[in-house]
Amino acid sequence: MRIWIFKNLSVEKIIEEHCERITQPVVNLLNWEEALTCTGTPAEPIYEIVREGKPMPRKTILYHKFLFLNHIIISRATGCKEKHFPLNSEVLRRVIGDAIYDMLDTLEDMQLILITRDYIPGVTARKIKLCNWDITHIDLDDRKITKYVSETKDLLEEATRLRLEKRTIYSQEFIDSYNNSLSFLALSDERGMLDYIYHREYESIHQQHFYESCHIRFKESNHQIVSVDKNGRIYHYMTNLPSSLKQFFNVRYYIDIANSHPLLYSSFLISHYTISKEELENIFSIPYKEEYKLLNLIIVLYSLIQIIKILYICSIFKKDKSINFKIKREIIRDRKYFLKYYIHYVSEQLIKHLKDRGLKRIKGLNNDVLVYLHRVMKGKLWDEFQILFHTEERGKVKASLFREIFYSYSKRVSEKFKPYGALFRDMYPNVWHILRNEKGKEDLLPNQMMKLESKLFSTILEKCYAQGWKVFNIHDAVVVLNVPENDGCSPEKVRAIIEETYHARLLYPTVSIETYNQCTDEVEA
C-alpha cells in the first residue's frame, strides 16, 4: 500500500514527543506576577495542576496509529486545492480511539500542522493546514494500516450516504442515475496525463502535489457523488479537477452556459421590471455587435484626458496637500461619464435594431439594464470587462467580479478595495441598485442563484437520463461521456434540452461546446 510520510522526520521521533507531552501534567502558574518580575528578587513559582499526566501509552500501538494519521492528513492535503481542509475527527476516533485528539495536538505542537479553532458542532469540522511539505511516500505491506484505511473508507462512505439522505433535495432515482453515469468515467489517456503532470511548471509544492494526487485519487475513487450542499450543488471527483486534465478522460464534449451566474442574476431584473417572454425573446434576437473598437477608443481617450488633467492639476495645486484627492475625484467623475456614454451608445443601437424590426422599446427599462440583459444573454459580459482591465487575464477578471459583486455580502464598493465592483457600479448603476437590495434579504443572493442553477441542471439531467444517456454536470456544464450509450446524444440535442429548460424560466442562454478528439486529445472549439 502507498503510504505518505514526512521525509526527514521518523514516526519514532513523533512518538517520543507525543509521550513526553501527554505524560507531563498540565499546570497553571498562580503567582506569575511575582515569579516573572524583572525587578527585585523573583518569588518561587507556585503551580496548580490543571490536569494530571496520562499513563505512558504503548509505543508499538502508537506506531501504527501515527503512521496512519500522518498518511490521512498528508493525502488530504495533497488532494485539496485549498490550503485548509476539513478532517472528520469523529470518524478517526471510531477507527483509532480517543487518542486521536492528543495525537493531533502533538502534530500541531511540532508545527507539522495547523488546526483552526472555529467550527460548528455537527455542521462544520475544524480545518487543518499542512505546514511541513517535506513529504514523500513509501510502499508498505502492513495489515494494521490497511485495516485502518479500510475502516475509515467504509465509515466515510456511510457518513456520505446518510448525509445525502438527510440533506439532498434529489430523489433516490436521480442519485442512482447520476452515480451510474459517473461509474462510466474512465481515464482514456493515462500516459498522456502522467506526462503532462510531471513536465508542467508549478507555482508551489502544494500545487504540484495536488496535480499528482489527481491521478492517484482517480485510481482509488469509487466515482460517486461525494456530497450535495444546501444549495443543491453536487460534488464528485470531476468537480475540482483542473481544466487542463479533463482532456485525458473519456469525455466526448462539455456543454456549458456562457456568463452563467450573471445570466442567473438577470432573473431578478426580469422580475423587478416585469419583462415579458416576448420582450426577452426580442432582446435575445438582437445580434451581438462587437463594439470593442469603440470601447478601446474610449479607454484611450479617457487615459489621455486623465494624463492632461493630472499634469494641469499638479501645476495649479503644487503646494496643496489635497492634490491626490482632487486627482482621484476627477478620475472617478470622468470614468463615470465615459462609461455612461458607452452604455448610452450601445443601448441606442439595441433600441434602433428593435425599431428596424417594428418592435417597441420596453417601457421603464433603463439603458444599462437593457445592455446588461443583452450582454449576459450573448455571453459577453466578462469579455467587455476584460477590455476595461486589459492588463488582467479573463479568469482573474471573472473571479474578481464574483468576489466583489455577485458573491459579496457587502452593499458597498470602494475604488480602493473593490476596483472591479466600483467599475461595475459605474457601468451598470441601476443593475447594481437592484442587486444591492437583494443582498439584504435573509436568503443570501449567492445561495438564491446557486439554488436556481441546481434546479435548472437537475431538470436538464433528468431529461437526459430519460433518453438513457450517461451524463453528469460540473455546476453550470453538462459532461457527455464518450461511451456507446451516448452515440445518439448529439450536442444539438443537449443544447435543445438546455435551452428549453432555461426558456421555461425566462432565461435565454448562449451555450458553448467543447469537444475532445479522443485520438489526439486536442481540444476543438
Protein backbone atom coordinates (compact mmCIF):
# COMPACT_ATOMS: atom_id res chain seq x y z
CA MET A 1 0.00 0.00 0.00
CA ARG A 2 1.22 3.51 -0.81
CA ILE A 3 1.71 5.46 2.45
CA TRP A 4 2.52 9.15 2.82
CA ILE A 5 5.18 10.06 5.42
CA PHE A 6 7.26 13.06 6.48
CA LYS A 7 10.58 12.73 4.67
CA ASN A 8 13.07 13.79 7.35
CA LEU A 9 11.05 13.01 10.45
CA SER A 10 10.64 9.46 11.71
CA VAL A 11 7.48 8.18 13.33
CA GLU A 12 9.60 7.18 16.33
CA LYS A 13 10.59 10.83 16.88
CA ILE A 14 6.93 11.91 16.76
CA ILE A 15 6.03 9.20 19.27
CA GLU A 16 8.78 10.36 21.66
CA GLU A 17 7.47 13.94 21.53
CA HIS A 18 3.92 12.68 21.99
CA CYS A 19 4.72 10.52 25.02
CA GLU A 20 6.68 13.30 26.70
CA ARG A 21 3.85 15.73 26.09
CA ILE A 22 0.90 13.67 27.37
CA THR A 23 2.65 12.12 30.40
CA GLN A 24 3.56 15.55 31.80
CA PRO A 25 0.88 17.17 33.97
CA VAL A 26 -0.73 20.37 32.73
CA VAL A 27 -0.04 23.15 35.25
CA ASN A 28 -1.07 26.75 35.76
CA LEU A 29 1.35 29.34 37.23
CA LEU A 30 -0.56 31.07 40.03
CA ASN A 31 1.88 33.81 41.06
CA TRP A 32 3.10 34.76 37.63
CA GLU A 33 3.36 38.48 38.51
CA GLU A 34 5.87 37.80 41.33
CA ALA A 35 7.65 34.86 39.65
CA LEU A 36 8.18 36.58 36.31
CA THR A 37 9.06 40.06 37.62
CA CYS A 38 12.03 41.89 36.13
CA THR A 39 12.70 43.98 39.28
CA GLY A 40 13.75 42.80 42.70
CA THR A 41 14.03 39.15 43.64
CA PRO A 42 11.51 36.89 41.85
CA ALA A 43 9.33 34.74 44.07
CA GLU A 44 9.35 30.97 43.96
CA PRO A 45 6.82 29.93 41.29
CA ILE A 46 3.67 28.30 42.58
CA TYR A 47 1.95 25.88 40.21
CA GLU A 48 -1.55 24.47 40.22
CA ILE A 49 -2.07 21.13 38.49
CA VAL A 50 -4.89 21.54 36.00
CA ARG A 51 -4.69 18.03 34.59
CA GLU A 52 -2.67 15.06 35.70
CA GLY A 53 -0.33 13.44 33.25
CA LYS A 54 -1.67 10.41 31.41
CA PRO A 55 -0.15 6.94 31.69
CA MET A 56 2.61 6.07 29.25
CA PRO A 57 0.96 4.61 26.12
CA ARG A 58 2.22 1.53 24.30
CA LYS A 59 4.60 2.75 21.62
CA THR A 60 4.05 -0.27 19.38
CA ILE A 61 0.35 0.61 19.10
CA LEU A 62 1.10 4.32 18.63
CA TYR A 63 3.47 3.49 15.78
CA HIS A 64 0.68 2.21 13.52
CA LYS A 65 -1.73 4.92 14.63
CA PHE A 66 0.67 7.78 13.85
CA LEU A 67 1.70 6.19 10.58
CA PHE A 68 -1.97 6.01 9.62
CA LEU A 69 -2.83 9.53 10.86
CA ASN A 70 0.13 11.11 9.05
CA HIS A 71 -0.92 9.31 5.87
CA ILE A 72 -4.52 10.53 6.14
CA ILE A 73 -3.51 14.16 6.79
CA ILE A 74 -0.92 14.32 4.01
CA SER A 75 -3.15 12.58 1.46
CA ARG A 76 -5.99 15.01 2.25
CA ALA A 77 -3.63 17.99 1.97
CA THR A 78 -2.21 16.88 -1.38
CA GLY A 79 -5.69 16.15 -2.74
CA CYS A 80 -7.17 19.50 -1.73
CA LYS A 81 -6.88 22.57 -3.96
CA GLU A 82 -7.22 24.91 -0.96
CA LYS A 83 -4.62 25.31 1.79
CA HIS A 84 -7.06 24.31 4.56
CA PHE A 85 -9.14 21.15 4.53
CA PRO A 86 -11.69 19.58 6.91
CA LEU A 87 -10.82 16.38 8.74
CA ASN A 88 -13.56 14.19 10.17
CA SER A 89 -12.05 13.60 13.62
CA GLU A 90 -15.15 11.68 14.76
CA VAL A 91 -14.59 9.05 12.06
CA LEU A 92 -10.90 8.86 13.01
CA ARG A 93 -11.87 8.48 16.68
CA ARG A 94 -14.03 5.48 15.81
CA VAL A 95 -11.08 3.93 13.97
CA ILE A 96 -8.10 4.56 16.29
CA GLY A 97 -9.80 5.64 19.55
CA ASP A 98 -9.83 8.73 21.77
CA ALA A 99 -6.06 9.13 21.39
CA ILE A 100 -6.74 10.94 18.09
CA TYR A 101 -7.24 14.30 19.83
CA ASP A 102 -3.92 14.17 21.71
CA MET A 103 -2.20 12.94 18.54
CA LEU A 104 -3.49 15.93 16.55
CA ASP A 105 -2.34 18.30 19.31
CA THR A 106 1.13 16.72 19.23
CA LEU A 107 1.41 17.20 15.47
CA GLU A 108 0.37 20.83 15.90
CA ASP A 109 2.88 21.39 18.74
CA MET A 110 5.58 20.03 16.43
CA GLN A 111 4.46 22.59 13.80
CA LEU A 112 3.65 19.85 11.30
CA ILE A 113 0.04 21.00 11.03
CA LEU A 114 -2.10 23.99 11.98
CA ILE A 115 -5.65 23.48 13.30
CA THR A 116 -8.27 26.23 13.14
CA ARG A 117 -10.39 26.71 16.26
CA ASP A 118 -13.67 27.80 14.65
CA TYR A 119 -16.26 25.12 13.94
CA ILE A 120 -19.96 24.36 14.36
CA PRO A 121 -20.68 21.07 16.20
CA GLY A 122 -22.47 18.63 13.92
CA VAL A 123 -22.28 21.04 10.96
CA THR A 124 -18.70 22.01 10.12
CA ALA A 125 -15.42 20.45 11.24
CA ARG A 126 -12.22 22.17 12.28
CA LYS A 127 -9.93 22.73 9.33
CA ILE A 128 -6.32 21.65 9.13
CA LYS A 129 -3.39 23.08 7.20
CA LEU A 130 -0.26 21.06 6.44
CA CYS A 131 2.76 23.16 7.46
CA ASN A 132 5.57 20.71 6.64
CA TRP A 133 5.61 19.88 2.92
CA ASP A 134 8.84 17.91 3.12
CA ILE A 135 6.93 14.71 2.36
CA THR A 136 7.30 11.53 0.39
CA HIS A 137 5.58 8.16 0.04
CA ILE A 138 6.63 4.56 0.58
CA ASP A 139 5.16 1.20 -0.34
CA LEU A 140 4.23 -0.61 2.83
CA ASP A 141 2.65 -4.01 3.42
CA ASP A 142 1.08 -3.57 6.85
CA ARG A 143 -2.20 -5.26 7.76
CA LYS A 144 -2.89 -2.84 10.62
CA ILE A 145 -2.59 0.23 8.37
CA THR A 146 -4.66 -1.47 5.68
CA LYS A 147 -7.34 -2.21 8.28
CA TYR A 148 -7.40 1.42 9.49
CA VAL A 149 -7.66 2.76 5.93
CA SER A 150 -10.40 0.29 5.01
CA GLU A 151 -12.47 1.10 8.13
CA THR A 152 -12.08 4.85 7.52
CA LYS A 153 -13.20 4.50 3.91
CA ASP A 154 -16.29 2.47 4.94
CA LEU A 155 -17.25 4.96 7.66
CA LEU A 156 -16.82 7.96 5.35
CA GLU A 157 -18.94 6.30 2.66
CA GLU A 158 -21.63 5.56 5.25
CA ALA A 159 -21.48 9.16 6.53
CA THR A 160 -21.79 10.43 2.94
CA ARG A 161 -24.80 8.18 2.31
CA LEU A 162 -26.56 9.35 5.49
CA ARG A 163 -25.76 12.98 4.74
CA LEU A 164 -27.19 12.65 1.25
CA GLU A 165 -30.36 11.03 2.59
CA LYS A 166 -30.75 13.80 5.16
CA ARG A 167 -29.84 16.89 3.15
CA THR A 168 -30.30 16.20 -0.52
CA ILE A 169 -33.22 17.67 -2.43
CA TYR A 170 -32.96 14.95 -5.06
CA SER A 171 -34.83 11.68 -5.36
CA GLN A 172 -33.03 8.37 -4.91
CA GLU A 173 -33.76 7.57 -8.54
CA PHE A 174 -31.94 10.73 -9.63
CA ILE A 175 -28.97 9.98 -7.33
CA ASP A 176 -28.73 6.42 -8.70
CA SER A 177 -28.82 7.64 -12.31
CA TYR A 178 -26.17 10.25 -11.54
CA ASN A 179 -23.86 7.73 -9.82
CA ASN A 180 -24.41 5.27 -12.65
CA SER A 181 -23.23 7.89 -15.15
CA LEU A 182 -20.17 8.67 -13.00
CA SER A 183 -19.27 4.96 -12.98
CA PHE A 184 -18.68 5.15 -16.77
CA LEU A 185 -15.96 7.80 -16.30
CA ALA A 186 -12.58 6.43 -17.43
CA LEU A 187 -9.02 7.67 -17.86
CA SER A 188 -8.59 7.25 -21.61
CA ASP A 189 -5.02 8.58 -21.84
CA GLU A 190 -3.25 7.76 -18.57
CA ARG A 191 0.21 8.04 -20.11
CA GLY A 192 -0.58 11.48 -21.52
CA MET A 193 -1.91 12.63 -18.14
CA LEU A 194 1.19 11.48 -16.26
CA ASP A 195 3.48 13.05 -18.85
CA TYR A 196 1.62 16.35 -18.53
CA ILE A 197 1.65 16.26 -14.71
CA TYR A 198 5.38 15.56 -14.37
CA HIS A 199 6.56 18.03 -17.02
CA ARG A 200 4.50 21.18 -16.34
CA GLU A 201 5.72 24.09 -14.22
CA TYR A 202 4.13 24.67 -10.81
CA GLU A 203 3.68 27.77 -8.68
CA SER A 204 4.19 25.89 -5.39
CA ILE A 205 4.97 22.46 -3.98
CA HIS A 206 1.34 22.27 -2.84
CA GLN A 207 0.08 22.76 -6.40
CA GLN A 208 2.46 20.08 -7.67
CA HIS A 209 1.24 17.55 -5.10
CA PHE A 210 -2.37 18.45 -5.90
CA TYR A 211 -1.90 17.69 -9.60
CA GLU A 212 -0.10 14.43 -8.78
CA SER A 213 -2.91 13.45 -6.41
CA CYS A 214 -5.50 13.86 -9.20
CA HIS A 215 -4.14 10.71 -10.85
CA ILE A 216 -3.91 8.79 -7.55
CA ARG A 217 -7.39 9.80 -6.40
CA PHE A 218 -8.96 8.70 -9.66
CA LYS A 219 -7.40 5.25 -9.32
CA GLU A 220 -8.64 4.94 -5.73
CA SER A 221 -12.02 6.69 -6.14
CA ASN A 222 -15.32 4.83 -6.42
CA HIS A 223 -16.60 7.59 -8.78
CA GLN A 224 -19.80 8.53 -6.97
CA ILE A 225 -21.32 11.69 -5.54
CA VAL A 226 -19.18 12.89 -2.65
CA SER A 227 -21.59 15.48 -1.28
CA VAL A 228 -24.54 17.76 -2.01
CA ASP A 229 -24.52 21.19 -0.36
CA LYS A 230 -27.51 23.13 1.00
CA ASN A 231 -27.98 24.83 -2.39
CA GLY A 232 -28.27 21.54 -4.24
CA ARG A 233 -24.81 21.71 -5.80
CA ILE A 234 -23.40 18.24 -6.46
CA TYR A 235 -19.72 17.43 -5.84
CA HIS A 236 -17.70 14.50 -7.15
CA TYR A 237 -14.21 13.69 -8.48
CA MET A 238 -14.51 15.86 -11.61
CA THR A 239 -15.83 18.94 -9.76
CA ASN A 240 -12.43 20.30 -8.66
CA LEU A 241 -10.34 18.67 -11.37
CA PRO A 242 -8.09 21.25 -13.11
CA SER A 243 -9.39 22.09 -16.59
CA SER A 244 -6.09 21.10 -18.20
CA LEU A 245 -6.50 17.49 -17.01
CA LYS A 246 -10.03 16.97 -18.34
CA GLN A 247 -8.76 16.24 -21.84
CA PHE A 248 -7.30 12.91 -20.68
CA PHE A 249 -10.68 11.39 -19.75
CA ASN A 250 -13.29 9.69 -21.90
CA VAL A 251 -15.28 12.89 -22.37
CA ARG A 252 -16.96 13.38 -25.73
CA TYR A 253 -17.80 17.03 -25.07
CA TYR A 254 -18.65 19.61 -22.44
CA ILE A 255 -21.57 21.96 -22.99
CA ASP A 256 -21.88 24.91 -20.65
CA ILE A 257 -23.57 28.28 -20.19
CA ALA A 258 -21.61 31.43 -21.03
CA ASN A 259 -21.73 34.02 -18.20
CA SER A 260 -23.86 31.58 -16.21
CA HIS A 261 -24.25 33.41 -12.89
CA PRO A 262 -24.66 36.92 -14.37
CA LEU A 263 -27.38 35.35 -16.53
CA LEU A 264 -28.98 33.75 -13.45
CA TYR A 265 -28.95 37.13 -11.75
CA SER A 266 -30.90 38.59 -14.67
CA SER A 267 -33.94 36.66 -13.37
CA PHE A 268 -34.13 39.24 -10.56
CA LEU A 269 -34.07 42.08 -13.10
CA ILE A 270 -36.76 40.38 -15.19
CA SER A 271 -38.95 40.06 -12.13
CA HIS A 272 -38.28 43.63 -10.97
CA TYR A 273 -39.14 45.21 -14.35
CA THR A 274 -41.86 42.64 -15.18
CA ILE A 275 -40.38 41.89 -18.60
CA SER A 276 -42.50 39.54 -20.72
CA LYS A 277 -41.28 36.44 -22.53
CA GLU A 278 -41.91 38.10 -25.90
CA GLU A 279 -39.82 41.13 -24.92
CA LEU A 280 -36.98 38.88 -23.71
CA GLU A 281 -37.05 36.95 -26.98
CA ASN A 282 -36.81 40.24 -28.84
CA ILE A 283 -33.72 41.26 -26.85
CA PHE A 284 -32.14 37.84 -27.35
CA SER A 285 -32.77 38.02 -31.10
CA ILE A 286 -30.62 41.15 -31.46
CA PRO A 287 -27.26 40.01 -32.85
CA TYR A 288 -24.18 40.86 -30.84
CA LYS A 289 -22.20 43.63 -32.47
CA GLU A 290 -18.67 43.88 -31.14
CA GLU A 291 -18.23 47.48 -30.04
CA TYR A 292 -14.73 46.61 -28.84
CA LYS A 293 -13.19 49.25 -31.11
CA LEU A 294 -15.38 51.92 -29.56
CA LEU A 295 -14.64 50.65 -26.07
CA ASN A 296 -10.89 50.64 -26.73
CA LEU A 297 -11.12 54.14 -28.24
CA ILE A 298 -12.96 55.35 -25.14
CA ILE A 299 -10.24 53.86 -22.93
CA VAL A 300 -7.52 55.61 -24.94
CA LEU A 301 -9.34 58.97 -24.87
CA TYR A 302 -10.07 58.57 -21.18
CA SER A 303 -6.40 57.84 -20.44
CA LEU A 304 -5.17 60.82 -22.47
CA ILE A 305 -7.61 63.20 -20.78
CA GLN A 306 -6.55 61.92 -17.36
CA ILE A 307 -2.88 62.50 -18.13
CA ILE A 308 -3.62 66.06 -19.26
CA LYS A 309 -5.80 66.74 -16.22
CA ILE A 310 -3.27 65.31 -13.79
CA LEU A 311 -0.50 67.48 -15.26
CA TYR A 312 -2.77 70.51 -15.11
CA ILE A 313 -3.92 69.88 -11.54
CA CYS A 314 -0.35 69.24 -10.39
CA SER A 315 0.81 72.51 -11.94
CA ILE A 316 -2.00 74.52 -10.32
CA PHE A 317 -2.01 72.92 -6.87
CA LYS A 318 1.71 72.35 -6.33
CA LYS A 319 1.60 73.15 -2.63
CA ASP A 320 -1.87 71.81 -1.93
CA LYS A 321 -1.81 68.70 0.30
CA SER A 322 -5.23 67.61 -1.01
CA ILE A 323 -3.95 67.26 -4.57
CA ASN A 324 -4.31 63.45 -4.52
CA PHE A 325 -7.95 63.78 -3.55
CA LYS A 326 -8.57 66.27 -6.38
CA ILE A 327 -6.93 63.97 -8.94
CA LYS A 328 -8.90 60.96 -7.69
CA ARG A 329 -12.18 62.88 -7.81
CA GLU A 330 -11.52 63.98 -11.40
CA ILE A 331 -10.63 60.44 -12.50
CA ILE A 332 -13.79 58.92 -10.99
CA ARG A 333 -16.02 61.64 -12.44
CA ASP A 334 -14.58 61.24 -15.94
CA ARG A 335 -14.75 57.46 -15.80
CA LYS A 336 -18.45 57.60 -14.97
CA TYR A 337 -19.01 60.00 -17.85
CA PHE A 338 -17.22 57.82 -20.41
CA LEU A 339 -18.91 54.60 -19.22
CA LYS A 340 -22.31 56.32 -19.26
CA TYR A 341 -21.66 57.46 -22.81
CA TYR A 342 -20.67 53.92 -23.88
CA ILE A 343 -23.78 52.35 -22.31
CA HIS A 344 -25.97 55.05 -23.86
CA TYR A 345 -24.46 54.42 -27.30
CA VAL A 346 -24.88 50.63 -27.07
CA SER A 347 -28.46 50.91 -25.77
CA GLU A 348 -29.36 53.25 -28.64
CA GLN A 349 -28.01 50.68 -31.10
CA LEU A 350 -30.09 47.95 -29.45
CA ILE A 351 -33.23 50.11 -29.49
CA LYS A 352 -32.60 51.06 -33.11
CA HIS A 353 -32.38 47.38 -34.03
CA LEU A 354 -35.74 46.76 -32.33
CA LYS A 355 -37.35 49.68 -34.15
CA ASP A 356 -35.99 48.47 -37.51
CA ARG A 357 -37.86 45.24 -36.89
CA GLY A 358 -41.05 47.09 -35.98
CA LEU A 359 -40.70 46.33 -32.26
CA LYS A 360 -41.29 48.79 -29.44
CA ARG A 361 -38.86 49.75 -26.73
CA ILE A 362 -39.62 48.16 -23.37
CA LYS A 363 -41.25 50.82 -21.18
CA GLY A 364 -39.44 51.77 -17.99
CA LEU A 365 -36.33 49.73 -18.78
CA ASN A 366 -33.17 51.71 -18.05
CA ASN A 367 -30.42 51.82 -20.65
CA ASP A 368 -27.85 49.99 -18.53
CA VAL A 369 -30.34 47.22 -17.65
CA LEU A 370 -31.13 46.68 -21.34
CA VAL A 371 -27.41 46.45 -22.18
CA TYR A 372 -26.76 44.12 -19.22
CA LEU A 373 -29.56 41.74 -20.26
CA HIS A 374 -28.32 41.64 -23.83
CA ARG A 375 -24.67 41.11 -22.82
CA VAL A 376 -25.37 38.19 -20.46
CA MET A 377 -27.73 36.58 -22.97
CA LYS A 378 -24.95 36.70 -25.56
CA GLY A 379 -22.33 35.57 -23.02
CA LYS A 380 -20.17 38.67 -23.48
CA LEU A 381 -20.16 40.34 -20.04
CA TRP A 382 -16.73 39.01 -19.00
CA ASP A 383 -15.21 39.95 -22.38
CA GLU A 384 -16.10 43.62 -22.06
CA PHE A 385 -14.77 43.81 -18.52
CA GLN A 386 -11.54 42.18 -19.63
CA ILE A 387 -11.11 45.03 -22.13
CA LEU A 388 -11.63 47.56 -19.34
CA PHE A 389 -8.97 45.71 -17.31
CA HIS A 390 -6.86 44.83 -20.33
CA THR A 391 -3.81 44.05 -18.19
CA GLU A 392 -5.62 41.22 -16.39
CA GLU A 393 -6.41 37.68 -17.52
CA ARG A 394 -10.05 36.83 -18.21
CA GLY A 395 -10.13 34.31 -15.37
CA LYS A 396 -8.92 36.88 -12.84
CA VAL A 397 -11.44 39.47 -14.03
CA LYS A 398 -14.22 36.90 -13.71
CA ALA A 399 -13.12 35.79 -10.22
CA SER A 400 -12.79 39.39 -9.03
CA LEU A 401 -16.30 40.32 -10.23
CA PHE A 402 -17.69 37.24 -8.47
CA ARG A 403 -15.89 38.17 -5.26
CA GLU A 404 -16.73 41.88 -5.31
CA ILE A 405 -20.22 41.86 -6.84
CA PHE A 406 -22.25 38.66 -7.07
CA TYR A 407 -20.81 36.75 -4.09
CA SER A 408 -20.06 39.71 -1.84
CA TYR A 409 -22.21 40.25 1.26
CA SER A 410 -21.34 43.93 1.33
CA LYS A 411 -23.69 46.55 -0.12
CA ARG A 412 -20.85 48.97 -0.75
CA VAL A 413 -17.98 49.04 -3.21
CA SER A 414 -14.94 51.29 -2.91
CA GLU A 415 -12.42 52.38 -5.51
CA LYS A 416 -9.54 51.30 -3.29
CA PHE A 417 -10.63 47.87 -2.06
CA LYS A 418 -13.07 46.75 -4.78
CA PRO A 419 -11.97 48.30 -8.12
CA TYR A 420 -13.88 45.73 -10.20
CA GLY A 421 -17.03 46.26 -8.16
CA ALA A 422 -16.72 50.04 -8.45
CA LEU A 423 -16.39 49.77 -12.22
CA PHE A 424 -19.48 47.52 -12.40
CA ARG A 425 -21.42 50.06 -10.30
CA ASP A 426 -20.41 52.93 -12.64
CA MET A 427 -21.16 50.93 -15.79
CA TYR A 428 -24.47 49.40 -14.65
CA PRO A 429 -25.81 51.72 -11.88
CA ASN A 430 -29.44 50.55 -11.98
CA VAL A 431 -28.41 46.88 -12.12
CA TRP A 432 -26.21 47.48 -9.07
CA HIS A 433 -29.05 49.25 -7.22
CA ILE A 434 -31.36 46.24 -7.57
CA LEU A 435 -28.51 43.86 -6.75
CA ARG A 436 -27.80 45.77 -3.51
CA ASN A 437 -31.41 45.33 -2.41
CA GLU A 438 -31.20 41.57 -2.99
CA LYS A 439 -28.14 41.36 -0.73
CA GLY A 440 -30.17 42.46 2.27
CA LYS A 441 -32.58 39.50 2.16
CA GLU A 442 -32.40 36.58 4.57
CA ASP A 443 -31.71 34.07 1.80
CA LEU A 444 -28.44 35.50 0.51
CA LEU A 445 -28.10 36.30 -3.19
CA PRO A 446 -25.34 33.72 -3.92
CA ASN A 447 -27.49 31.00 -2.35
CA GLN A 448 -30.52 32.03 -4.41
CA MET A 449 -28.51 31.91 -7.65
CA MET A 450 -26.92 28.53 -6.85
CA LYS A 451 -30.30 27.05 -5.90
CA LEU A 452 -31.76 28.22 -9.21
CA GLU A 453 -28.78 26.77 -11.09
CA SER A 454 -29.19 23.42 -9.28
CA LYS A 455 -32.89 23.25 -10.18
CA LEU A 456 -32.18 24.02 -13.82
CA PHE A 457 -29.45 21.41 -14.19
CA SER A 458 -31.27 18.69 -12.27
CA THR A 459 -34.15 19.16 -14.73
CA ILE A 460 -31.74 19.03 -17.67
CA LEU A 461 -30.09 15.85 -16.39
CA GLU A 462 -33.42 14.15 -15.70
CA LYS A 463 -34.41 14.74 -19.33
CA CYS A 464 -31.07 13.28 -20.43
CA TYR A 465 -31.45 10.22 -18.19
CA ALA A 466 -34.89 9.62 -19.68
CA GLN A 467 -33.05 9.18 -23.01
CA GLY A 468 -30.66 6.65 -21.45
CA TRP A 469 -27.62 8.93 -21.80
CA LYS A 470 -24.62 8.78 -19.45
CA VAL A 471 -24.10 12.40 -18.46
CA PHE A 472 -23.45 14.45 -15.32
CA ASN A 473 -22.77 18.09 -14.56
CA ILE A 474 -19.97 20.24 -13.22
CA HIS A 475 -22.04 23.10 -11.80
CA ASP A 476 -23.01 25.02 -14.99
CA ALA A 477 -21.77 22.47 -17.53
CA VAL A 478 -23.11 19.14 -18.80
CA VAL A 479 -20.43 16.46 -19.33
CA VAL A 480 -21.21 13.90 -22.03
CA LEU A 481 -19.03 10.77 -21.87
CA ASN A 482 -17.57 9.01 -24.88
CA VAL A 483 -19.40 5.68 -24.39
CA PRO A 484 -21.68 3.65 -26.72
CA GLU A 485 -24.72 4.62 -24.63
CA ASN A 486 -24.22 8.22 -25.82
CA ASP A 487 -24.00 7.53 -29.55
CA GLY A 488 -27.34 9.27 -30.06
CA CYS A 489 -26.51 12.12 -27.68
CA SER A 490 -25.54 14.88 -30.10
CA PRO A 491 -24.56 18.41 -28.97
CA GLU A 492 -27.61 19.76 -30.79
CA LYS A 493 -29.97 17.56 -28.75
CA VAL A 494 -28.38 18.52 -25.42
CA ARG A 495 -28.37 22.17 -26.44
CA ALA A 496 -32.11 21.92 -27.23
CA ILE A 497 -32.80 20.44 -23.77
CA ILE A 498 -30.77 23.17 -22.05
CA GLU A 499 -32.44 25.98 -23.97
CA GLU A 500 -35.91 24.53 -23.41
CA THR A 501 -35.27 24.27 -19.65
CA TYR A 502 -33.83 27.80 -19.38
CA HIS A 503 -36.54 29.37 -21.55
CA ALA A 504 -39.17 27.94 -19.20
CA ARG A 505 -37.56 30.15 -16.51
CA LEU A 506 -37.48 33.19 -18.85
CA LEU A 507 -33.72 32.87 -19.24
CA TYR A 508 -32.05 32.92 -22.65
CA PRO A 509 -28.53 31.48 -22.51
CA THR A 510 -25.71 31.29 -25.00
CA VAL A 511 -24.45 27.71 -24.98
CA SER A 512 -20.80 26.91 -25.73
CA ILE A 513 -19.48 23.45 -26.63
CA GLU A 514 -16.02 21.98 -26.10
CA THR A 515 -15.39 18.69 -27.87
CA TYR A 516 -12.37 16.45 -27.47
CA ASN A 517 -10.65 14.43 -30.17
CA GLN A 518 -10.17 11.12 -28.42
CA CYS A 519 -7.29 10.14 -30.71
CA THR A 520 -5.05 13.17 -30.29
CA ASP A 521 -6.54 14.62 -27.09
CA GLU A 522 -6.63 18.07 -28.63
CA VAL A 523 -9.41 20.43 -27.66
CA GLU A 524 -11.58 21.53 -30.55
CA ALA A 525 -13.55 24.75 -30.43
